[in-house]
């Protein structure tokens, strides 16, 4: 029995790991045109998304990718239900100027072949 098993109890750690592994990994991945010099507007959006997701408890914001020339990018969010996750963040995305015309891909399961995906324009 390792140190952490003694400290936290092995059965509790295994139970939490099993819960995590049994939850489906749904995603909302947003592709957007940016075209703004600097990252301040993107960081402001990220703060709002994190706040909404924490408040509603429907998932987590995992970060962004942005082109070196700031032309376009992606936002990544994960949770147990892609539809509920999207409904929570869509108002924030819709009110953000550089999100106009963005495409959100809702993935209903882990990243593997055959998983249902739906694309929605913001």
PDB file of N, CA and C in Angstrom:
ATOM      1  N   UNK A   1       0.854  -1.177   0.000  1.00  0.00           N
ATOM      2  CA  UNK A   1       0.000   0.000   0.000  1.00  0.00           C
ATOM      3  C   UNK A   1       0.896   1.234   0.000  1.00  0.00           C
ATOM      4  N   UNK A   2       0.693   2.126  -0.989  1.00  0.00           N
ATOM      5  CA  UNK A   2       1.498   3.325  -1.110  1.00  0.00           C
ATOM      6  C   UNK A   2       1.083   4.420  -0.139  1.00  0.00           C
ATOM      7  N   UNK A   3       1.883   5.470  -0.107  1.00  0.00           N
ATOM      8  CA  UNK A   3       1.640   6.589   0.803  1.00  0.00           C
ATOM      9  C   UNK A   3       0.253   7.199   0.596  1.00  0.00           C
ATOM     10  N   UNK A   4      -0.136   7.463  -0.665  1.00  0.00           N
ATOM     11  CA  UNK A   4      -1.425   8.101  -0.934  1.00  0.00           C
ATOM     12  C   UNK A   4      -2.589   7.160  -0.617  1.00  0.00           C
ATOM     13  N   UNK A   5      -2.367   5.852  -0.813  1.00  0.00           N
ATOM     14  CA  UNK A   5      -3.399   4.887  -0.446  1.00  0.00           C
ATOM     15  C   UNK A   5      -3.649   4.926   1.058  1.00  0.00           C
ATOM     16  N   UNK A   6      -2.567   5.016   1.831  1.00  0.00           N
ATOM     17  CA  UNK A   6      -2.705   5.089   3.278  1.00  0.00           C
ATOM     18  C   UNK A   6      -3.367   6.394   3.689  1.00  0.00           C
ATOM     19  N   UNK A   7      -2.988   7.468   3.039  1.00  0.00           N
ATOM     20  CA  UNK A   7      -3.497   8.782   3.405  1.00  0.00           C
ATOM     21  C   UNK A   7      -4.968   8.942   3.046  1.00  0.00           C
ATOM     22  N   UNK A   8      -5.343   8.556   1.824  1.00  0.00           N
ATOM     23  CA  UNK A   8      -6.700   8.806   1.343  1.00  0.00           C
ATOM     24  C   UNK A   8      -7.588   7.564   1.316  1.00  0.00           C
ATOM     25  N   UNK A   9      -7.004   6.419   1.451  1.00  0.00           N
ATOM     26  CA  UNK A   9      -7.778   5.184   1.383  1.00  0.00           C
ATOM     27  C   UNK A   9      -7.855   4.686  -0.047  1.00  0.00           C
ATOM     28  N   UNK A  10      -7.366   3.500  -0.283  1.00  0.00           N
ATOM     29  CA  UNK A  10      -7.282   2.956  -1.634  1.00  0.00           C
ATOM     30  C   UNK A  10      -8.648   2.815  -2.285  1.00  0.00           C
ATOM     31  N   UNK A  11      -9.636   2.331  -1.552  1.00  0.00           N
ATOM     32  CA  UNK A  11     -10.949   2.100  -2.163  1.00  0.00           C
ATOM     33  C   UNK A  11     -11.583   3.408  -2.642  1.00  0.00           C
ATOM     34  N   UNK A  12     -11.396   4.492  -1.921  1.00  0.00           N
ATOM     35  CA  UNK A  12     -11.950   5.785  -2.338  1.00  0.00           C
ATOM     36  C   UNK A  12     -11.292   6.266  -3.627  1.00  0.00           C
ATOM     37  N   UNK A  13      -9.999   6.119  -3.744  1.00  0.00           N
ATOM     38  CA  UNK A  13      -9.290   6.529  -4.958  1.00  0.00           C
ATOM     39  C   UNK A  13      -9.753   5.693  -6.139  1.00  0.00           C
ATOM     40  N   UNK A  14      -9.864   4.382  -5.962  1.00  0.00           N
ATOM     41  CA  UNK A  14     -10.319   3.531  -7.054  1.00  0.00           C
ATOM     42  C   UNK A  14     -11.740   3.882  -7.459  1.00  0.00           C
ATOM     43  N   UNK A  15     -12.611   4.180  -6.492  1.00  0.00           N
ATOM     44  CA  UNK A  15     -13.999   4.538  -6.788  1.00  0.00           C
ATOM     45  C   UNK A  15     -14.049   5.821  -7.616  1.00  0.00           C
ATOM     46  N   UNK A  16     -13.276   6.827  -7.233  1.00  0.00           N
ATOM     47  CA  UNK A  16     -13.249   8.086  -7.978  1.00  0.00           C
ATOM     48  C   UNK A  16     -12.699   7.875  -9.389  1.00  0.00           C
ATOM     49  N   UNK A  17     -11.673   7.050  -9.541  1.00  0.00           N
ATOM     50  CA  UNK A  17     -11.128   6.752 -10.866  1.00  0.00           C
ATOM     51  C   UNK A  17     -12.157   6.052 -11.736  1.00  0.00           C
ATOM     52  N   UNK A  18     -12.907   5.108 -11.158  1.00  0.00           N
ATOM     53  CA  UNK A  18     -13.930   4.405 -11.917  1.00  0.00           C
ATOM     54  C   UNK A  18     -15.037   5.348 -12.354  1.00  0.00           C
ATOM     55  N   UNK A  19     -15.438   6.270 -11.487  1.00  0.00           N
ATOM     56  CA  UNK A  19     -16.462   7.240 -11.861  1.00  0.00           C
ATOM     57  C   UNK A  19     -15.998   8.076 -13.039  1.00  0.00           C
ATOM     58  N   UNK A  20     -14.762   8.542 -12.979  1.00  0.00           N
ATOM     59  CA  UNK A  20     -14.226   9.365 -14.052  1.00  0.00           C
ATOM     60  C   UNK A  20     -14.154   8.595 -15.364  1.00  0.00           C
ATOM     61  N   UNK A  21     -13.717   7.360 -15.317  1.00  0.00           N
ATOM     62  CA  UNK A  21     -13.551   6.593 -16.543  1.00  0.00           C
ATOM     63  C   UNK A  21     -14.888   6.191 -17.144  1.00  0.00           C
ATOM     64  N   UNK A  22     -15.960   6.101 -16.338  1.00  0.00           N
ATOM     65  CA  UNK A  22     -17.266   5.720 -16.844  1.00  0.00           C
ATOM     66  C   UNK A  22     -18.044   6.903 -17.420  1.00  0.00           C
ATOM     67  N   UNK A  23     -17.632   8.118 -17.112  1.00  0.00           N
ATOM     68  CA  UNK A  23     -18.318   9.286 -17.650  1.00  0.00           C
ATOM     69  C   UNK A  23     -17.939   9.457 -19.115  1.00  0.00           C
ATOM     70  N   UNK A  24     -18.948   9.678 -19.964  1.00  0.00           N
ATOM     71  CA  UNK A  24     -18.605   9.922 -21.366  1.00  0.00           C
ATOM     72  C   UNK A  24     -17.891  11.260 -21.504  1.00  0.00           C
ATOM     73  N   UNK A  25     -16.947  11.329 -22.390  1.00  0.00           N
ATOM     74  CA  UNK A  25     -16.184  12.554 -22.605  1.00  0.00           C
ATOM     75  C   UNK A  25     -16.760  13.301 -23.806  1.00  0.00           C
ATOM     76  N   UNK A  26     -17.798  14.061 -23.555  1.00  0.00           N
ATOM     77  CA  UNK A  26     -18.390  14.885 -24.601  1.00  0.00           C
ATOM     78  C   UNK A  26     -17.558  16.149 -24.735  1.00  0.00           C
ATOM     79  N   UNK A  27     -17.675  16.791 -25.894  1.00  0.00           N
ATOM     80  CA  UNK A  27     -16.887  17.995 -26.136  1.00  0.00           C
ATOM     81  C   UNK A  27     -17.686  19.008 -26.938  1.00  0.00           C
ATOM     82  N   UNK A  28     -17.335  20.268 -26.733  1.00  0.00           N
ATOM     83  CA  UNK A  28     -17.753  21.359 -27.606  1.00  0.00           C
ATOM     84  C   UNK A  28     -16.456  22.016 -28.058  1.00  0.00           C
ATOM     85  N   UNK A  29     -16.226  21.979 -29.371  1.00  0.00           N
ATOM     86  CA  UNK A  29     -15.020  22.562 -29.949  1.00  0.00           C
ATOM     87  C   UNK A  29     -15.466  23.649 -30.914  1.00  0.00           C
ATOM     88  N   UNK A  30     -15.038  24.863 -30.656  1.00  0.00           N
ATOM     89  CA  UNK A  30     -15.483  26.012 -31.440  1.00  0.00           C
ATOM     90  C   UNK A  30     -14.340  26.493 -32.322  1.00  0.00           C
ATOM     91  N   UNK A  31     -14.603  26.550 -33.642  1.00  0.00           N
ATOM     92  CA  UNK A  31     -13.645  27.109 -34.598  1.00  0.00           C
ATOM     93  C   UNK A  31     -14.122  28.500 -34.966  1.00  0.00           C
ATOM     94  N   UNK A  32     -13.238  29.491 -34.830  1.00  0.00           N
ATOM     95  CA  UNK A  32     -13.642  30.882 -35.054  1.00  0.00           C
ATOM     96  C   UNK A  32     -12.578  31.649 -35.819  1.00  0.00           C
ATOM     97  N   UNK A  33     -13.025  32.686 -36.527  1.00  0.00           N
ATOM     98  CA  UNK A  33     -12.120  33.645 -37.151  1.00  0.00           C
ATOM     99  C   UNK A  33     -11.843  34.721 -36.121  1.00  0.00           C
ATOM    100  N   UNK A  34     -10.590  35.068 -35.947  1.00  0.00           N
ATOM    101  CA  UNK A  34     -10.218  36.028 -34.897  1.00  0.00           C
ATOM    102  C   UNK A  34      -9.845  37.371 -35.519  1.00  0.00           C
ATOM    103  N   UNK A  35      -8.691  37.474 -36.140  1.00  0.00           N
ATOM    104  CA  UNK A  35      -8.293  38.689 -36.833  1.00  0.00           C
ATOM    105  C   UNK A  35      -8.055  39.907 -35.967  1.00  0.00           C
ATOM    106  N   UNK A  36      -7.826  39.718 -34.689  1.00  0.00           N
ATOM    107  CA  UNK A  36      -7.563  40.824 -33.763  1.00  0.00           C
ATOM    108  C   UNK A  36      -6.116  40.716 -33.309  1.00  0.00           C
ATOM    109  N   UNK A  37      -5.392  41.807 -33.346  1.00  0.00           N
ATOM    110  CA  UNK A  37      -4.000  41.807 -32.881  1.00  0.00           C
ATOM    111  C   UNK A  37      -4.002  41.757 -31.350  1.00  0.00           C
ATOM    112  N   UNK A  38      -3.407  40.740 -30.787  1.00  0.00           N
ATOM    113  CA  UNK A  38      -3.348  40.591 -29.334  1.00  0.00           C
ATOM    114  C   UNK A  38      -4.395  39.619 -28.824  1.00  0.00           C
ATOM    115  N   UNK A  39      -4.187  39.168 -27.609  1.00  0.00           N
ATOM    116  CA  UNK A  39      -5.045  38.126 -27.043  1.00  0.00           C
ATOM    117  C   UNK A  39      -6.005  38.615 -25.957  1.00  0.00           C
ATOM    118  N   UNK A  40      -6.013  39.903 -25.656  1.00  0.00           N
ATOM    119  CA  UNK A  40      -6.863  40.402 -24.573  1.00  0.00           C
ATOM    120  C   UNK A  40      -8.340  40.073 -24.772  1.00  0.00           C
ATOM    121  N   UNK A  41      -8.922  40.298 -25.977  1.00  0.00           N
ATOM    122  CA  UNK A  41     -10.341  39.937 -26.161  1.00  0.00           C
ATOM    123  C   UNK A  41     -10.590  38.435 -25.989  1.00  0.00           C
ATOM    124  N   UNK A  42      -9.682  37.612 -26.436  1.00  0.00           N
ATOM    125  CA  UNK A  42      -9.821  36.165 -26.287  1.00  0.00           C
ATOM    126  C   UNK A  42      -9.754  35.781 -24.811  1.00  0.00           C
ATOM    127  N   UNK A  43      -8.840  36.363 -24.066  1.00  0.00           N
ATOM    128  CA  UNK A  43      -8.730  36.060 -22.635  1.00  0.00           C
ATOM    129  C   UNK A  43      -9.975  36.517 -21.879  1.00  0.00           C
ATOM    130  N   UNK A  44     -10.552  37.643 -22.278  1.00  0.00           N
ATOM    131  CA  UNK A  44     -11.795  38.116 -21.641  1.00  0.00           C
ATOM    132  C   UNK A  44     -12.919  37.107 -21.885  1.00  0.00           C
ATOM    133  N   UNK A  45     -13.011  36.582 -23.102  1.00  0.00           N
ATOM    134  CA  UNK A  45     -14.015  35.562 -23.409  1.00  0.00           C
ATOM    135  C   UNK A  45     -13.770  34.307 -22.576  1.00  0.00           C
ATOM    136  N   UNK A  46     -12.535  33.880 -22.484  1.00  0.00           N
ATOM    137  CA  UNK A  46     -12.206  32.689 -21.697  1.00  0.00           C
ATOM    138  C   UNK A  46     -12.639  32.852 -20.239  1.00  0.00           C
ATOM    139  N   UNK A  47     -12.406  34.025 -19.672  1.00  0.00           N
ATOM    140  CA  UNK A  47     -12.823  34.282 -18.287  1.00  0.00           C
ATOM    141  C   UNK A  47     -14.334  34.116 -18.138  1.00  0.00           C
ATOM    142  N   UNK A  48     -15.100  34.649 -19.103  1.00  0.00           N
ATOM    143  CA  UNK A  48     -16.566  34.533 -19.057  1.00  0.00           C
ATOM    144  C   UNK A  48     -16.999  33.074 -19.185  1.00  0.00           C
ATOM    145  N   UNK A  49     -16.364  32.335 -20.098  1.00  0.00           N
ATOM    146  CA  UNK A  49     -16.719  30.926 -20.280  1.00  0.00           C
ATOM    147  C   UNK A  49     -16.436  30.123 -19.019  1.00  0.00           C
ATOM    148  N   UNK A  50     -15.281  30.343 -18.416  1.00  0.00           N
ATOM    149  CA  UNK A  50     -14.938  29.628 -17.182  1.00  0.00           C
ATOM    150  C   UNK A  50     -15.933  29.946 -16.076  1.00  0.00           C
ATOM    151  N   UNK A  51     -16.342  31.203 -15.985  1.00  0.00           N
ATOM    152  CA  UNK A  51     -17.297  31.622 -14.959  1.00  0.00           C
ATOM    153  C   UNK A  51     -18.646  30.922 -15.151  1.00  0.00           C
ATOM    154  N   UNK A  52     -19.151  30.914 -16.378  1.00  0.00           N
ATOM    155  CA  UNK A  52     -20.436  30.277 -16.677  1.00  0.00           C
ATOM    156  C   UNK A  52     -20.380  28.781 -16.404  1.00  0.00           C
ATOM    157  N   UNK A  53     -19.322  28.129 -16.853  1.00  0.00           N
ATOM    158  CA  UNK A  53     -19.205  26.686 -16.674  1.00  0.00           C
ATOM    159  C   UNK A  53     -19.087  26.315 -15.196  1.00  0.00           C
ATOM    160  N   UNK A  54     -18.355  27.102 -14.451  1.00  0.00           N
ATOM    161  CA  UNK A  54     -18.232  26.839 -13.015  1.00  0.00           C
ATOM    162  C   UNK A  54     -19.572  27.063 -12.317  1.00  0.00           C
ATOM    163  N   UNK A  55     -20.240  28.159 -12.667  1.00  0.00           N
ATOM    164  CA  UNK A  55     -21.527  28.496 -12.054  1.00  0.00           C
ATOM    165  C   UNK A  55     -22.580  27.417 -12.319  1.00  0.00           C
ATOM    166  N   UNK A  56     -22.632  26.922 -13.544  1.00  0.00           N
ATOM    167  CA  UNK A  56     -23.649  25.935 -13.924  1.00  0.00           C
ATOM    168  C   UNK A  56     -23.217  24.499 -13.653  1.00  0.00           C
ATOM    169  N   UNK A  57     -21.920  24.280 -13.477  1.00  0.00           N
ATOM    170  CA  UNK A  57     -21.414  22.949 -13.156  1.00  0.00           C
ATOM    171  C   UNK A  57     -21.645  21.921 -14.253  1.00  0.00           C
ATOM    172  N   UNK A  58     -21.556  22.346 -15.522  1.00  0.00           N
ATOM    173  CA  UNK A  58     -21.853  21.434 -16.636  1.00  0.00           C
ATOM    174  C   UNK A  58     -20.622  20.956 -17.394  1.00  0.00           C
ATOM    175  N   UNK A  59     -19.451  21.431 -17.024  1.00  0.00           N
ATOM    176  CA  UNK A  59     -18.246  21.022 -17.724  1.00  0.00           C
ATOM    177  C   UNK A  59     -17.094  21.948 -17.392  1.00  0.00           C
ATOM    178  N   UNK A  60     -16.048  21.837 -18.223  1.00  0.00           N
ATOM    179  CA  UNK A  60     -14.873  22.667 -17.977  1.00  0.00           C
ATOM    180  C   UNK A  60     -14.331  23.230 -19.283  1.00  0.00           C
ATOM    181  N   UNK A  61     -13.761  24.406 -19.174  1.00  0.00           N
ATOM    182  CA  UNK A  61     -13.082  25.035 -20.302  1.00  0.00           C
ATOM    183  C   UNK A  61     -11.640  24.556 -20.269  1.00  0.00           C
ATOM    184  N   UNK A  62     -11.152  24.046 -21.411  1.00  0.00           N
ATOM    185  CA  UNK A  62      -9.828  23.430 -21.424  1.00  0.00           C
ATOM    186  C   UNK A  62      -8.765  24.281 -22.113  1.00  0.00           C
ATOM    187  N   UNK A  63      -9.158  25.361 -22.781  1.00  0.00           N
ATOM    188  CA  UNK A  63      -8.159  26.220 -23.388  1.00  0.00           C
ATOM    189  C   UNK A  63      -8.446  26.512 -24.846  1.00  0.00           C
ATOM    190  N   UNK A  64      -7.453  27.133 -25.482  1.00  0.00           N
ATOM    191  CA  UNK A  64      -7.604  27.550 -26.876  1.00  0.00           C
ATOM    192  C   UNK A  64      -6.351  27.245 -27.680  1.00  0.00           C
ATOM    193  N   UNK A  65      -6.524  27.267 -28.979  1.00  0.00           N
ATOM    194  CA  UNK A  65      -5.415  27.303 -29.930  1.00  0.00           C
ATOM    195  C   UNK A  65      -5.672  28.513 -30.800  1.00  0.00           C
ATOM    196  N   UNK A  66      -4.627  29.260 -31.114  1.00  0.00           N
ATOM    197  CA  UNK A  66      -4.774  30.440 -31.965  1.00  0.00           C
ATOM    198  C   UNK A  66      -3.634  30.452 -32.966  1.00  0.00           C
ATOM    199  N   UNK A  67      -3.950  30.828 -34.194  1.00  0.00           N
ATOM    200  CA  UNK A  67      -2.925  30.901 -35.233  1.00  0.00           C
ATOM    201  C   UNK A  67      -1.897  31.975 -34.871  1.00  0.00           C
ATOM    202  N   UNK A  68      -0.670  31.772 -35.291  1.00  0.00           N
ATOM    203  CA  UNK A  68       0.410  32.715 -35.002  1.00  0.00           C
ATOM    204  C   UNK A  68       0.075  34.111 -35.521  1.00  0.00           C
ATOM    205  N   UNK A  69      -0.632  34.185 -36.648  1.00  0.00           N
ATOM    206  CA  UNK A  69      -0.995  35.485 -37.215  1.00  0.00           C
ATOM    207  C   UNK A  69      -2.355  35.985 -36.708  1.00  0.00           C
ATOM    208  N   UNK A  70      -2.913  35.331 -35.687  1.00  0.00           N
ATOM    209  CA  UNK A  70      -4.199  35.685 -35.066  1.00  0.00           C
ATOM    210  C   UNK A  70      -5.391  35.560 -36.015  1.00  0.00           C
ATOM    211  N   UNK A  71      -5.249  34.840 -37.116  1.00  0.00           N
ATOM    212  CA  UNK A  71      -6.333  34.771 -38.096  1.00  0.00           C
ATOM    213  C   UNK A  71      -7.518  33.936 -37.611  1.00  0.00           C
ATOM    214  N   UNK A  72      -7.256  32.830 -36.964  1.00  0.00           N
ATOM    215  CA  UNK A  72      -8.344  31.975 -36.504  1.00  0.00           C
ATOM    216  C   UNK A  72      -7.890  31.158 -35.303  1.00  0.00           C
ATOM    217  N   UNK A  73      -8.857  30.439 -34.729  1.00  0.00           N
ATOM    218  CA  UNK A  73      -8.518  29.645 -33.555  1.00  0.00           C
ATOM    219  C   UNK A  73      -9.599  28.667 -33.178  1.00  0.00           C
ATOM    220  N   UNK A  74      -9.358  27.972 -32.065  1.00  0.00           N
ATOM    221  CA  UNK A  74     -10.274  26.975 -31.533  1.00  0.00           C
ATOM    222  C   UNK A  74     -10.403  27.163 -30.025  1.00  0.00           C
ATOM    223  N   UNK A  75     -11.590  26.864 -29.498  1.00  0.00           N
ATOM    224  CA  UNK A  75     -11.835  26.790 -28.059  1.00  0.00           C
ATOM    225  C   UNK A  75     -12.234  25.354 -27.740  1.00  0.00           C
ATOM    226  N   UNK A  76     -11.807  24.850 -26.584  1.00  0.00           N
ATOM    227  CA  UNK A  76     -12.078  23.466 -26.206  1.00  0.00           C
ATOM    228  C   UNK A  76     -12.769  23.410 -24.845  1.00  0.00           C
ATOM    229  N   UNK A  77     -13.934  22.746 -24.826  1.00  0.00           N
ATOM    230  CA  UNK A  77     -14.693  22.560 -23.591  1.00  0.00           C
ATOM    231  C   UNK A  77     -15.149  21.103 -23.512  1.00  0.00           C
ATOM    232  N   UNK A  78     -15.157  20.557 -22.302  1.00  0.00           N
ATOM    233  CA  UNK A  78     -15.497  19.154 -22.108  1.00  0.00           C
ATOM    234  C   UNK A  78     -16.450  18.992 -20.944  1.00  0.00           C
ATOM    235  N   UNK A  79     -17.292  17.967 -21.028  1.00  0.00           N
ATOM    236  CA  UNK A  79     -18.228  17.664 -19.958  1.00  0.00           C
ATOM    237  C   UNK A  79     -18.980  16.392 -20.259  1.00  0.00           C
ATOM    238  N   UNK A  80     -19.899  16.012 -19.376  1.00  0.00           N
ATOM    239  CA  UNK A  80     -20.635  14.764 -19.558  1.00  0.00           C
ATOM    240  C   UNK A  80     -21.758  14.839 -20.592  1.00  0.00           C
ATOM    241  N   UNK A  81     -22.180  16.074 -21.007  1.00  0.00           N
ATOM    242  CA  UNK A  81     -23.262  16.206 -21.976  1.00  0.00           C
ATOM    243  C   UNK A  81     -22.989  17.405 -22.876  1.00  0.00           C
ATOM    244  N   UNK A  82     -22.665  17.153 -24.136  1.00  0.00           N
ATOM    245  CA  UNK A  82     -22.290  18.223 -25.069  1.00  0.00           C
ATOM    246  C   UNK A  82     -23.420  19.213 -25.304  1.00  0.00           C
ATOM    247  N   UNK A  83     -24.650  18.731 -25.355  1.00  0.00           N
ATOM    248  CA  UNK A  83     -25.786  19.621 -25.612  1.00  0.00           C
ATOM    249  C   UNK A  83     -25.978  20.601 -24.455  1.00  0.00           C
ATOM    250  N   UNK A  84     -25.951  20.106 -23.236  1.00  0.00           N
ATOM    251  CA  UNK A  84     -26.100  20.974 -22.059  1.00  0.00           C
ATOM    252  C   UNK A  84     -24.922  21.937 -21.963  1.00  0.00           C
ATOM    253  N   UNK A  85     -23.742  21.456 -22.248  1.00  0.00           N
ATOM    254  CA  UNK A  85     -22.540  22.284 -22.242  1.00  0.00           C
ATOM    255  C   UNK A  85     -22.680  23.435 -23.238  1.00  0.00           C
ATOM    256  N   UNK A  86     -23.113  23.113 -24.456  1.00  0.00           N
ATOM    257  CA  UNK A  86     -23.274  24.144 -25.484  1.00  0.00           C
ATOM    258  C   UNK A  86     -24.352  25.148 -25.102  1.00  0.00           C
ATOM    259  N   UNK A  87     -25.473  24.673 -24.574  1.00  0.00           N
ATOM    260  CA  UNK A  87     -26.551  25.585 -24.162  1.00  0.00           C
ATOM    261  C   UNK A  87     -26.069  26.560 -23.087  1.00  0.00           C
ATOM    262  N   UNK A  88     -25.166  26.126 -22.241  1.00  0.00           N
ATOM    263  CA  UNK A  88     -24.642  26.994 -21.181  1.00  0.00           C
ATOM    264  C   UNK A  88     -23.738  28.092 -21.727  1.00  0.00           C
ATOM    265  N   UNK A  89     -22.903  27.754 -22.715  1.00  0.00           N
ATOM    266  CA  UNK A  89     -21.914  28.729 -23.208  1.00  0.00           C
ATOM    267  C   UNK A  89     -22.386  29.509 -24.430  1.00  0.00           C
ATOM    268  N   UNK A  90     -23.407  29.040 -25.128  1.00  0.00           N
ATOM    269  CA  UNK A  90     -23.834  29.699 -26.362  1.00  0.00           C
ATOM    270  C   UNK A  90     -24.183  31.176 -26.181  1.00  0.00           C
ATOM    271  N   UNK A  91     -24.906  31.580 -25.128  1.00  0.00           N
ATOM    272  CA  UNK A  91     -25.188  33.018 -24.972  1.00  0.00           C
ATOM    273  C   UNK A  91     -23.921  33.875 -24.868  1.00  0.00           C
ATOM    274  N   UNK A  92     -22.911  33.369 -24.185  1.00  0.00           N
ATOM    275  CA  UNK A  92     -21.648  34.097 -24.052  1.00  0.00           C
ATOM    276  C   UNK A  92     -20.948  34.174 -25.413  1.00  0.00           C
ATOM    277  N   UNK A  93     -20.939  33.074 -26.136  1.00  0.00           N
ATOM    278  CA  UNK A  93     -20.314  33.070 -27.461  1.00  0.00           C
ATOM    279  C   UNK A  93     -21.057  33.999 -28.412  1.00  0.00           C
ATOM    280  N   UNK A  94     -22.384  33.959 -28.392  1.00  0.00           N
ATOM    281  CA  UNK A  94     -23.201  34.756 -29.318  1.00  0.00           C
ATOM    282  C   UNK A  94     -23.047  36.253 -29.100  1.00  0.00           C
ATOM    283  N   UNK A  95     -22.746  36.663 -27.888  1.00  0.00           N
ATOM    284  CA  UNK A  95     -22.595  38.099 -27.615  1.00  0.00           C
ATOM    285  C   UNK A  95     -21.168  38.601 -27.858  1.00  0.00           C
ATOM    286  N   UNK A  96     -20.276  37.717 -28.261  1.00  0.00           N
ATOM    287  CA  UNK A  96     -18.882  38.075 -28.509  1.00  0.00           C
ATOM    288  C   UNK A  96     -18.685  38.345 -29.992  1.00  0.00           C
ATOM    289  N   UNK A  97     -18.250  39.546 -30.328  1.00  0.00           N
ATOM    290  CA  UNK A  97     -18.174  39.994 -31.722  1.00  0.00           C
ATOM    291  C   UNK A  97     -17.365  39.049 -32.605  1.00  0.00           C
ATOM    292  N   UNK A  98     -16.193  38.622 -32.172  1.00  0.00           N
ATOM    293  CA  UNK A  98     -15.364  37.785 -33.043  1.00  0.00           C
ATOM    294  C   UNK A  98     -15.860  36.344 -33.139  1.00  0.00           C
ATOM    295  N   UNK A  99     -16.935  36.006 -32.450  1.00  0.00           N
ATOM    296  CA  UNK A  99     -17.534  34.677 -32.562  1.00  0.00           C
ATOM    297  C   UNK A  99     -18.629  34.620 -33.628  1.00  0.00           C
ATOM    298  N   UNK A 100     -18.973  35.749 -34.230  1.00  0.00           N
ATOM    299  CA  UNK A 100     -20.003  35.759 -35.277  1.00  0.00           C
ATOM    300  C   UNK A 100     -19.546  34.864 -36.425  1.00  0.00           C
ATOM    301  N   UNK A 101     -20.399  33.904 -36.788  1.00  0.00           N
ATOM    302  CA  UNK A 101     -20.072  32.970 -37.856  1.00  0.00           C
ATOM    303  C   UNK A 101     -19.211  31.795 -37.436  1.00  0.00           C
ATOM    304  N   UNK A 102     -18.855  31.722 -36.159  1.00  0.00           N
ATOM    305  CA  UNK A 102     -18.053  30.591 -35.673  1.00  0.00           C
ATOM    306  C   UNK A 102     -18.864  29.307 -35.775  1.00  0.00           C
ATOM    307  N   UNK A 103     -18.175  28.190 -35.802  1.00  0.00           N
ATOM    308  CA  UNK A 103     -18.815  26.875 -35.871  1.00  0.00           C
ATOM    309  C   UNK A 103     -18.459  26.088 -34.611  1.00  0.00           C
ATOM    310  N   UNK A 104     -19.494  25.594 -33.944  1.00  0.00           N
ATOM    311  CA  UNK A 104     -19.300  24.759 -32.761  1.00  0.00           C
ATOM    312  C   UNK A 104     -19.575  23.310 -33.131  1.00  0.00           C
ATOM    313  N   UNK A 105     -18.613  22.451 -32.877  1.00  0.00           N
ATOM    314  CA  UNK A 105     -18.806  21.019 -33.086  1.00  0.00           C
ATOM    315  C   UNK A 105     -19.120  20.391 -31.731  1.00  0.00           C
ATOM    316  N   UNK A 106     -20.288  19.791 -31.621  1.00  0.00           N
ATOM    317  CA  UNK A 106     -20.681  19.076 -30.421  1.00  0.00           C
ATOM    318  C   UNK A 106     -20.389  17.601 -30.658  1.00  0.00           C
ATOM    319  N   UNK A 107     -19.528  17.046 -29.824  1.00  0.00           N
ATOM    320  CA  UNK A 107     -19.154  15.644 -29.955  1.00  0.00           C
ATOM    321  C   UNK A 107     -19.743  14.881 -28.770  1.00  0.00           C
ATOM    322  N   UNK A 108     -20.551  13.858 -29.058  1.00  0.00           N
ATOM    323  CA  UNK A 108     -21.285  13.123 -28.041  1.00  0.00           C
ATOM    324  C   UNK A 108     -20.589  11.818 -27.662  1.00  0.00           C
ATOM    325  N   UNK A 109     -19.380  11.926 -27.185  1.00  0.00           N
ATOM    326  CA  UNK A 109     -18.605  10.767 -26.765  1.00  0.00           C
ATOM    327  C   UNK A 109     -17.129  11.067 -26.886  1.00  0.00           C
ATOM    328  N   UNK A 110     -16.303  10.058 -26.663  1.00  0.00           N
ATOM    329  CA  UNK A 110     -14.851  10.255 -26.726  1.00  0.00           C
ATOM    330  C   UNK A 110     -14.385  10.461 -28.166  1.00  0.00           C
ATOM    331  N   UNK A 111     -13.180  10.974 -28.343  1.00  0.00           N
ATOM    332  CA  UNK A 111     -12.662  11.232 -29.691  1.00  0.00           C
ATOM    333  C   UNK A 111     -12.262   9.946 -30.406  1.00  0.00           C
ATOM    334  N   UNK A 112     -13.238   9.316 -31.024  1.00  0.00           N
ATOM    335  CA  UNK A 112     -12.967   8.085 -31.763  1.00  0.00           C
ATOM    336  C   UNK A 112     -13.941   7.979 -32.926  1.00  0.00           C
ATOM    337  N   UNK A 113     -13.645   7.120 -33.859  1.00  0.00           N
ATOM    338  CA  UNK A 113     -14.486   6.920 -35.029  1.00  0.00           C
ATOM    339  C   UNK A 113     -15.885   6.468 -34.622  1.00  0.00           C
ATOM    340  N   UNK A 114     -16.881   6.957 -35.352  1.00  0.00           N
ATOM    341  CA  UNK A 114     -18.256   6.527 -35.130  1.00  0.00           C
ATOM    342  C   UNK A 114     -19.004   7.287 -34.056  1.00  0.00           C
ATOM    343  N   UNK A 115     -18.358   8.225 -33.383  1.00  0.00           N
ATOM    344  CA  UNK A 115     -19.028   8.997 -32.345  1.00  0.00           C
ATOM    345  C   UNK A 115     -19.860  10.096 -33.018  1.00  0.00           C
ATOM    346  N   UNK A 116     -21.084  10.259 -32.574  1.00  0.00           N
ATOM    347  CA  UNK A 116     -21.995  11.259 -33.138  1.00  0.00           C
ATOM    348  C   UNK A 116     -21.425  12.656 -32.927  1.00  0.00           C
ATOM    349  N   UNK A 117     -21.457  13.465 -33.998  1.00  0.00           N
ATOM    350  CA  UNK A 117     -21.041  14.859 -33.932  1.00  0.00           C
ATOM    351  C   UNK A 117     -22.074  15.703 -34.663  1.00  0.00           C
ATOM    352  N   UNK A 118     -22.300  16.895 -34.144  1.00  0.00           N
ATOM    353  CA  UNK A 118     -23.210  17.846 -34.754  1.00  0.00           C
ATOM    354  C   UNK A 118     -22.490  19.184 -34.827  1.00  0.00           C
ATOM    355  N   UNK A 119     -22.636  19.897 -35.962  1.00  0.00           N
ATOM    356  CA  UNK A 119     -22.020  21.207 -36.088  1.00  0.00           C
ATOM    357  C   UNK A 119     -23.107  22.278 -36.082  1.00  0.00           C
ATOM    358  N   UNK A 120     -22.872  23.336 -35.302  1.00  0.00           N
ATOM    359  CA  UNK A 120     -23.830  24.410 -35.141  1.00  0.00           C
ATOM    360  C   UNK A 120     -23.123  25.731 -35.403  1.00  0.00           C
ATOM    361  N   UNK A 121     -23.757  26.625 -36.173  1.00  0.00           N
ATOM    362  CA  UNK A 121     -23.180  27.954 -36.386  1.00  0.00           C
ATOM    363  C   UNK A 121     -23.621  28.873 -35.259  1.00  0.00           C
ATOM    364  N   UNK A 122     -22.686  29.677 -34.793  1.00  0.00           N
ATOM    365  CA  UNK A 122     -22.981  30.613 -33.704  1.00  0.00           C
ATOM    366  C   UNK A 122     -23.416  31.937 -34.294  1.00  0.00           C
TER     367      UNK A 122
END
